[in-house]
Amino acid sequence: MRSKAYDFNGFVGDFRELLVQFVQMKRSLGFDYVKEANLLKRFSKFTLDYPIENHALTKELADAWTAKRLSERDVTWGMRINNLRQFALFLSNLGYDAYIPFCRAKIDRNYVPYIFTSEQIRCIFTACDNIKPHPLSNQHLVFPAIYRLLYGCGLRISEAVDLKQKDVDVKHEMVTVRASKFGKDRLIPMSPSLTRCLEAYSLKIHTFFTPEDYFFMKRDRTAYAPATVYENFRQILWICRIPHGGRGRGPRLHDLRHTFAVHSLNQMVRQGMDLYCSLPFLSTYLGHASVKATERYVRLTEEAYPGIMDAVSRTCAYVFPEVKSR
C-alpha cells in the first residue's frame, strides 16, 4: 500500500509544525488524508486571527472554526468538526492544552443508492452525446467518455479524473487505477465497446500530448474537478426526466458505480455463476477493502430484480445470513 505524494507547504501559524506532524502520522498509518489535510491548511490560516499561547487550542478558537456555515451540508460540517477533534486529541496526547470539540452535525448514513435501469443508462448516454460543442470547452467530448467509463468500469469519480493518458491502455483493453481510496493500485479490464469509445475519444483529445497528461483534461491541460462533472450530471438527469430528490438525496454521480455493481451481479446470476466465487472478483474490481463491503449489492440487486435472490440463496445463502427485523 502506498499513498500519493502530498505537498506539506501551506500550513501557517502557531500550529504549523504540529499540523505537519499530525498529517504525517496519519499518512504513515496508511490513510490517504489529502482532503483532511487540505481542511487543516485552511484551519491554520483561520488561526492567524486568534491569539495562541503555548500551542493551546482554546474553546473560543475551536467553536469559531466548527460553527456551521451558511448553506453548508451536514456531512461537510461534520467532517470539519471531526477533523479538528482528531487534531485536538493529538495535541492533548502530546501534553498541550486542547479543547476537544464534539460533533454536533446530524449525518445521515442511511442513504439508499439509486440504481438506474438499463433504459435510463441509455438515455444518459444519448443525452451526453448530444452536448453541443463550445469554442472554449471540450466537455462535449469529455463527458460522454467519462460517464461511460464510470458506468462501464464502476470507477469512483475521483479515480476517473485522476487517470493519466498512460493509465488507459486501449491496446490491451485495460485501465490502471493508481493509489486509489485505500492506497492500492488495481488493473481494470474494459469491455470491447468501452475500449472503442475511449480510443475514439483519445484520438480527438490526445493527438499532441504526453503520457503524463490527464486522460480527461480541460483545454488548459488541467484535470476536470469532480464537482464540474456532477453539475453536468444534474443537467443530464433533468434532460432524461429522472427525478432528483434534492441536495444529498440523489441520484448521485456515485450511483453510476452502484448501478455497475448491481447490473454486474445480476448478469453473474443470469449466467449461472457461483456468487460465492464471483463476489471476491467484483470486490477486487471495485477496489473494496474486503468482500464485506460488496455484500450490500446482493440486497440492492434483489430490490432491482425481484426474485433473483432465489438463485443467490442456492449458491451462497450461508455467506449472506438472513437479517430479521425486530
Foldseek 3Di string as FASTA:
>chain_A
DAEDDDDLPQQDDPCSVLLVVVQVVCVVVQANCHVLSVLVSVLNVVCVVDDDDPNAADPVSLCVQLPDDPPDDLVVSQSSLVSVLVSQVVCVVVPHHYDRDDRPRDDDPPADADADDPVLLVLLLVLLCPDDDDPQKDSSLQLSLLLCCCQQQLEDLVQQLQFFQLQQDLVQQWGWGALPRRGHIDITHGDNVSSVSLVVSCVVPPVPHDRRFGSRAIPVRHTDDPVVSFVVVVVSCVVSVNDAPDPPRDPGSSSSSLNSLLVVVVVCLVVVHQCVVVLVVSCVSNVHPDSVVSVVSLVVNCVVPPPSVVSNCVRPCVVPDDDDDD
